Amino acid sequence: MLQPVPQAGQVRVYVGRDFDLMCKFEMEANYLNHPLFQSLLELSAEQEFGYSYDGALRIACDVNLFFHLLRLLETRNPSAHYMELSDLISKFYSYAKEAITS
């Protein structure tokens, strides 16, 4: 269960394209500095929410894609530092497509 305030070193984000159906995630605050995460924030700001708004950090992307990114960062996989966001997205959706058709 999520606490009213994230634990020290954690940040709460709301993820999803539909404002009314967003999911809450708590993650390590240092992930905000990761190049993949910064690219995702930039893309979200450009496409959905803009750069200025009140309230919590919101990220407009597929919830499963965001979860995949978090898992990648949690494993501390070194390849994540050299991956472009477009590569992550295309790999995620190709894996998802394979899982559906298998």
N, C-alpha and C. Protein backbone atom coordinates (compact mmCIF):
# COMPACT_ATOMS: atom_id res chain seq x y z
N MET A 1 0.84 -1.18 0.00
CA MET A 1 0.00 0.00 0.00
C MET A 1 0.88 1.25 0.00
N LEU A 2 0.54 2.20 -0.83
CA LEU A 2 1.32 3.43 -0.90
C LEU A 2 1.07 4.31 0.32
N GLN A 3 2.13 4.84 0.85
CA GLN A 3 2.04 5.76 1.98
C GLN A 3 1.68 7.16 1.47
N PRO A 4 1.18 8.04 2.35
CA PRO A 4 0.84 9.40 1.90
C PRO A 4 2.02 10.15 1.29
N VAL A 5 3.21 9.88 1.79
CA VAL A 5 4.42 10.52 1.29
C VAL A 5 5.42 9.41 0.96
N PRO A 6 6.07 9.47 -0.20
CA PRO A 6 7.06 8.43 -0.53
C PRO A 6 8.19 8.40 0.50
N GLN A 7 8.81 7.24 0.64
CA GLN A 7 9.94 7.08 1.54
C GLN A 7 11.10 7.94 1.06
N ALA A 8 12.04 8.19 1.95
CA ALA A 8 13.23 8.96 1.58
C ALA A 8 13.94 8.28 0.42
N GLY A 9 14.34 9.07 -0.57
CA GLY A 9 15.03 8.54 -1.74
C GLY A 9 14.10 8.00 -2.81
N GLN A 10 12.80 8.11 -2.58
CA GLN A 10 11.80 7.64 -3.53
C GLN A 10 11.01 8.84 -4.07
N VAL A 11 10.44 8.64 -5.25
CA VAL A 11 9.58 9.66 -5.83
C VAL A 11 8.35 8.94 -6.39
N ARG A 12 7.20 9.58 -6.31
CA ARG A 12 5.97 9.01 -6.82
C ARG A 12 5.67 9.64 -8.18
N VAL A 13 5.33 8.80 -9.13
CA VAL A 13 4.96 9.27 -10.47
C VAL A 13 3.64 8.63 -10.86
N TYR A 14 2.92 9.32 -11.71
CA TYR A 14 1.66 8.82 -12.25
C TYR A 14 1.88 8.56 -13.73
N VAL A 15 1.53 7.35 -14.16
CA VAL A 15 1.86 6.91 -15.51
C VAL A 15 0.60 6.49 -16.25
N GLY A 16 0.51 6.90 -17.51
CA GLY A 16 -0.59 6.50 -18.38
C GLY A 16 -0.96 7.63 -19.30
N ARG A 17 -1.64 7.29 -20.36
CA ARG A 17 -2.05 8.31 -21.34
C ARG A 17 -3.39 8.94 -20.97
N ASP A 18 -4.24 8.18 -20.30
CA ASP A 18 -5.55 8.68 -19.90
C ASP A 18 -5.46 9.20 -18.47
N PHE A 19 -5.69 10.48 -18.28
CA PHE A 19 -5.53 11.12 -16.98
C PHE A 19 -6.34 10.41 -15.89
N ASP A 20 -7.53 9.93 -16.22
CA ASP A 20 -8.40 9.29 -15.23
C ASP A 20 -7.99 7.86 -14.90
N LEU A 21 -7.12 7.27 -15.71
CA LEU A 21 -6.72 5.87 -15.51
C LEU A 21 -5.23 5.71 -15.20
N MET A 22 -4.60 6.76 -14.73
CA MET A 22 -3.17 6.70 -14.46
C MET A 22 -2.86 5.79 -13.27
N CYS A 23 -1.72 5.12 -13.35
CA CYS A 23 -1.24 4.24 -12.27
C CYS A 23 -0.15 4.96 -11.49
N LYS A 24 -0.14 4.73 -10.19
CA LYS A 24 0.90 5.32 -9.34
C LYS A 24 2.07 4.35 -9.22
N PHE A 25 3.26 4.89 -9.32
CA PHE A 25 4.48 4.12 -9.09
C PHE A 25 5.35 4.89 -8.11
N GLU A 26 6.05 4.17 -7.25
CA GLU A 26 7.10 4.76 -6.44
C GLU A 26 8.40 4.15 -6.91
N MET A 27 9.36 5.01 -7.15
CA MET A 27 10.63 4.54 -7.69
C MET A 27 11.76 5.32 -7.06
N GLU A 28 12.98 4.83 -7.26
CA GLU A 28 14.15 5.53 -6.74
C GLU A 28 14.27 6.89 -7.41
N ALA A 29 14.50 7.91 -6.62
CA ALA A 29 14.60 9.26 -7.16
C ALA A 29 15.78 9.40 -8.12
N ASN A 30 16.85 8.64 -7.92
CA ASN A 30 18.01 8.77 -8.81
C ASN A 30 17.72 8.29 -10.23
N TYR A 31 16.63 7.53 -10.45
CA TYR A 31 16.25 7.14 -11.80
C TYR A 31 15.91 8.36 -12.66
N LEU A 32 15.51 9.44 -12.01
CA LEU A 32 15.17 10.66 -12.75
C LEU A 32 16.36 11.20 -13.53
N ASN A 33 17.57 10.83 -13.12
CA ASN A 33 18.79 11.29 -13.79
C ASN A 33 19.23 10.39 -14.94
N HIS A 34 18.60 9.22 -15.07
CA HIS A 34 19.01 8.27 -16.10
C HIS A 34 18.60 8.80 -17.48
N PRO A 35 19.48 8.67 -18.49
CA PRO A 35 19.17 9.18 -19.83
C PRO A 35 17.88 8.63 -20.42
N LEU A 36 17.58 7.35 -20.23
CA LEU A 36 16.33 6.79 -20.77
C LEU A 36 15.12 7.43 -20.10
N PHE A 37 15.22 7.62 -18.80
CA PHE A 37 14.10 8.22 -18.09
C PHE A 37 13.92 9.69 -18.48
N GLN A 38 15.04 10.40 -18.63
CA GLN A 38 14.95 11.80 -19.05
C GLN A 38 14.35 11.91 -20.44
N SER A 39 14.70 11.00 -21.33
CA SER A 39 14.12 10.99 -22.68
C SER A 39 12.62 10.73 -22.62
N LEU A 40 12.21 9.82 -21.74
CA LEU A 40 10.78 9.52 -21.59
C LEU A 40 10.03 10.73 -21.05
N LEU A 41 10.61 11.42 -20.09
CA LEU A 41 9.98 12.64 -19.55
C LEU A 41 9.86 13.71 -20.63
N GLU A 42 10.90 13.87 -21.41
CA GLU A 42 10.89 14.87 -22.48
C GLU A 42 9.82 14.53 -23.52
N LEU A 43 9.75 13.28 -23.91
CA LEU A 43 8.74 12.85 -24.88
C LEU A 43 7.33 13.06 -24.33
N SER A 44 7.14 12.75 -23.08
CA SER A 44 5.84 12.92 -22.43
C SER A 44 5.45 14.40 -22.40
N ALA A 45 6.40 15.24 -22.07
CA ALA A 45 6.12 16.68 -22.02
C ALA A 45 5.78 17.23 -23.39
N GLU A 46 6.49 16.78 -24.41
CA GLU A 46 6.24 17.26 -25.77
C GLU A 46 4.89 16.81 -26.30
N GLN A 47 4.52 15.54 -26.02
CA GLN A 47 3.33 14.96 -26.62
C GLN A 47 2.05 15.17 -25.83
N GLU A 48 2.14 15.22 -24.50
CA GLU A 48 0.92 15.17 -23.71
C GLU A 48 0.73 16.34 -22.75
N PHE A 49 1.62 16.47 -21.78
CA PHE A 49 1.35 17.34 -20.65
C PHE A 49 2.03 18.70 -20.70
N GLY A 50 2.97 18.89 -21.58
CA GLY A 50 3.69 20.16 -21.60
C GLY A 50 4.75 20.18 -20.50
N TYR A 51 5.44 21.28 -20.43
CA TYR A 51 6.54 21.39 -19.48
C TYR A 51 6.15 22.04 -18.17
N SER A 52 4.97 22.62 -18.11
CA SER A 52 4.56 23.32 -16.90
C SER A 52 3.15 22.90 -16.51
N TYR A 53 3.04 22.33 -15.32
CA TYR A 53 1.74 21.98 -14.78
C TYR A 53 1.87 21.84 -13.28
N ASP A 54 0.75 21.93 -12.59
CA ASP A 54 0.75 21.80 -11.13
C ASP A 54 0.57 20.33 -10.75
N GLY A 55 1.09 19.98 -9.60
CA GLY A 55 0.83 18.65 -9.07
C GLY A 55 1.96 17.67 -9.30
N ALA A 56 1.60 16.41 -9.23
CA ALA A 56 2.56 15.31 -9.27
C ALA A 56 3.19 15.16 -10.64
N LEU A 57 4.31 14.47 -10.65
CA LEU A 57 5.00 14.15 -11.89
C LEU A 57 4.16 13.15 -12.67
N ARG A 58 3.79 13.50 -13.90
CA ARG A 58 2.96 12.64 -14.74
C ARG A 58 3.74 12.28 -16.00
N ILE A 59 3.63 11.01 -16.37
CA ILE A 59 4.33 10.51 -17.55
C ILE A 59 3.31 9.84 -18.46
N ALA A 60 3.19 10.37 -19.66
CA ALA A 60 2.23 9.84 -20.62
C ALA A 60 2.89 8.75 -21.45
N CYS A 61 2.75 7.52 -21.01
CA CYS A 61 3.25 6.38 -21.78
C CYS A 61 2.48 5.15 -21.35
N ASP A 62 2.64 4.09 -22.09
CA ASP A 62 2.03 2.82 -21.76
C ASP A 62 2.55 2.36 -20.40
N VAL A 63 1.66 1.95 -19.52
CA VAL A 63 2.05 1.54 -18.17
C VAL A 63 3.01 0.35 -18.22
N ASN A 64 2.77 -0.60 -19.10
CA ASN A 64 3.64 -1.77 -19.20
C ASN A 64 5.04 -1.39 -19.70
N LEU A 65 5.12 -0.43 -20.59
CA LEU A 65 6.42 0.06 -21.05
C LEU A 65 7.18 0.71 -19.89
N PHE A 66 6.48 1.50 -19.10
CA PHE A 66 7.11 2.15 -17.95
C PHE A 66 7.60 1.10 -16.95
N PHE A 67 6.79 0.09 -16.69
CA PHE A 67 7.17 -0.99 -15.79
C PHE A 67 8.42 -1.70 -16.32
N HIS A 68 8.46 -1.93 -17.62
CA HIS A 68 9.63 -2.56 -18.26
C HIS A 68 10.88 -1.69 -18.05
N LEU A 69 10.75 -0.39 -18.23
CA LEU A 69 11.88 0.52 -18.01
C LEU A 69 12.35 0.46 -16.56
N LEU A 70 11.41 0.46 -15.62
CA LEU A 70 11.80 0.37 -14.21
C LEU A 70 12.57 -0.91 -13.92
N ARG A 71 12.10 -2.03 -14.46
CA ARG A 71 12.79 -3.31 -14.24
C ARG A 71 14.19 -3.28 -14.84
N LEU A 72 14.33 -2.66 -16.00
CA LEU A 72 15.64 -2.54 -16.63
C LEU A 72 16.58 -1.72 -15.75
N LEU A 73 16.08 -0.63 -15.19
CA LEU A 73 16.91 0.21 -14.33
C LEU A 73 17.23 -0.49 -13.02
N GLU A 74 16.28 -1.25 -12.49
CA GLU A 74 16.51 -1.95 -11.22
C GLU A 74 17.59 -3.02 -11.35
N THR A 75 17.70 -3.64 -12.52
CA THR A 75 18.73 -4.67 -12.70
C THR A 75 20.11 -4.06 -12.87
N ARG A 76 20.14 -2.75 -13.08
CA ARG A 76 21.40 -2.01 -13.28
C ARG A 76 22.17 -2.57 -14.48
N ASN A 77 21.42 -2.99 -15.48
CA ASN A 77 22.00 -3.53 -16.71
C ASN A 77 22.79 -2.43 -17.41
N PRO A 78 24.09 -2.62 -17.63
CA PRO A 78 24.91 -1.56 -18.23
C PRO A 78 24.45 -1.18 -19.64
N SER A 79 23.81 -2.08 -20.35
CA SER A 79 23.35 -1.75 -21.70
C SER A 79 22.30 -0.63 -21.68
N ALA A 80 21.63 -0.45 -20.56
CA ALA A 80 20.61 0.60 -20.45
C ALA A 80 21.21 1.99 -20.62
N HIS A 81 22.50 2.14 -20.29
CA HIS A 81 23.13 3.46 -20.41
C HIS A 81 23.46 3.83 -21.85
N TYR A 82 23.47 2.83 -22.72
CA TYR A 82 23.82 3.10 -24.12
C TYR A 82 22.62 2.97 -25.04
N MET A 83 21.47 2.69 -24.48
CA MET A 83 20.26 2.47 -25.26
C MET A 83 19.51 3.78 -25.47
N GLU A 84 18.99 3.95 -26.66
CA GLU A 84 18.14 5.10 -26.96
C GLU A 84 16.70 4.73 -26.60
N LEU A 85 15.90 5.72 -26.26
CA LEU A 85 14.51 5.47 -25.91
C LEU A 85 13.76 4.81 -27.06
N SER A 86 14.02 5.23 -28.28
CA SER A 86 13.33 4.63 -29.43
C SER A 86 13.65 3.14 -29.55
N ASP A 87 14.89 2.74 -29.22
CA ASP A 87 15.27 1.33 -29.24
C ASP A 87 14.54 0.55 -28.15
N LEU A 88 14.46 1.14 -26.95
CA LEU A 88 13.75 0.50 -25.86
C LEU A 88 12.29 0.28 -26.23
N ILE A 89 11.66 1.29 -26.79
CA ILE A 89 10.25 1.21 -27.16
C ILE A 89 10.03 0.14 -28.22
N SER A 90 10.86 0.15 -29.27
CA SER A 90 10.66 -0.83 -30.34
C SER A 90 10.92 -2.25 -29.85
N LYS A 91 11.95 -2.45 -29.00
CA LYS A 91 12.21 -3.78 -28.46
C LYS A 91 11.07 -4.23 -27.56
N PHE A 92 10.56 -3.33 -26.75
CA PHE A 92 9.45 -3.69 -25.85
C PHE A 92 8.24 -4.14 -26.65
N TYR A 93 7.87 -3.38 -27.68
CA TYR A 93 6.67 -3.74 -28.44
C TYR A 93 6.90 -4.98 -29.32
N SER A 94 8.13 -5.22 -29.76
CA SER A 94 8.37 -6.45 -30.51
C SER A 94 8.29 -7.66 -29.59
N TYR A 95 8.80 -7.54 -28.34
CA TYR A 95 8.67 -8.63 -27.38
C TYR A 95 7.22 -8.87 -27.02
N ALA A 96 6.48 -7.79 -26.84
CA ALA A 96 5.05 -7.90 -26.50
C ALA A 96 4.29 -8.58 -27.64
N LYS A 97 4.61 -8.23 -28.87
CA LYS A 97 3.95 -8.83 -30.03
C LYS A 97 4.27 -10.32 -30.10
N GLU A 98 5.52 -10.69 -29.86
CA GLU A 98 5.93 -12.09 -29.87
C GLU A 98 5.19 -12.88 -28.78
N ALA A 99 5.04 -12.28 -27.61
CA ALA A 99 4.36 -12.96 -26.51
C ALA A 99 2.89 -13.21 -26.84
N ILE A 100 2.28 -12.28 -27.54
CA ILE A 100 0.87 -12.42 -27.91
C ILE A 100 0.68 -13.49 -28.97
N THR A 101 1.59 -13.55 -29.92
CA THR A 101 1.44 -14.50 -31.02
C THR A 101 1.96 -15.90 -30.68
N SER A 102 2.68 -16.03 -29.57
CA SER A 102 3.23 -17.35 -29.18
C SER A 102 2.20 -18.20 -28.47
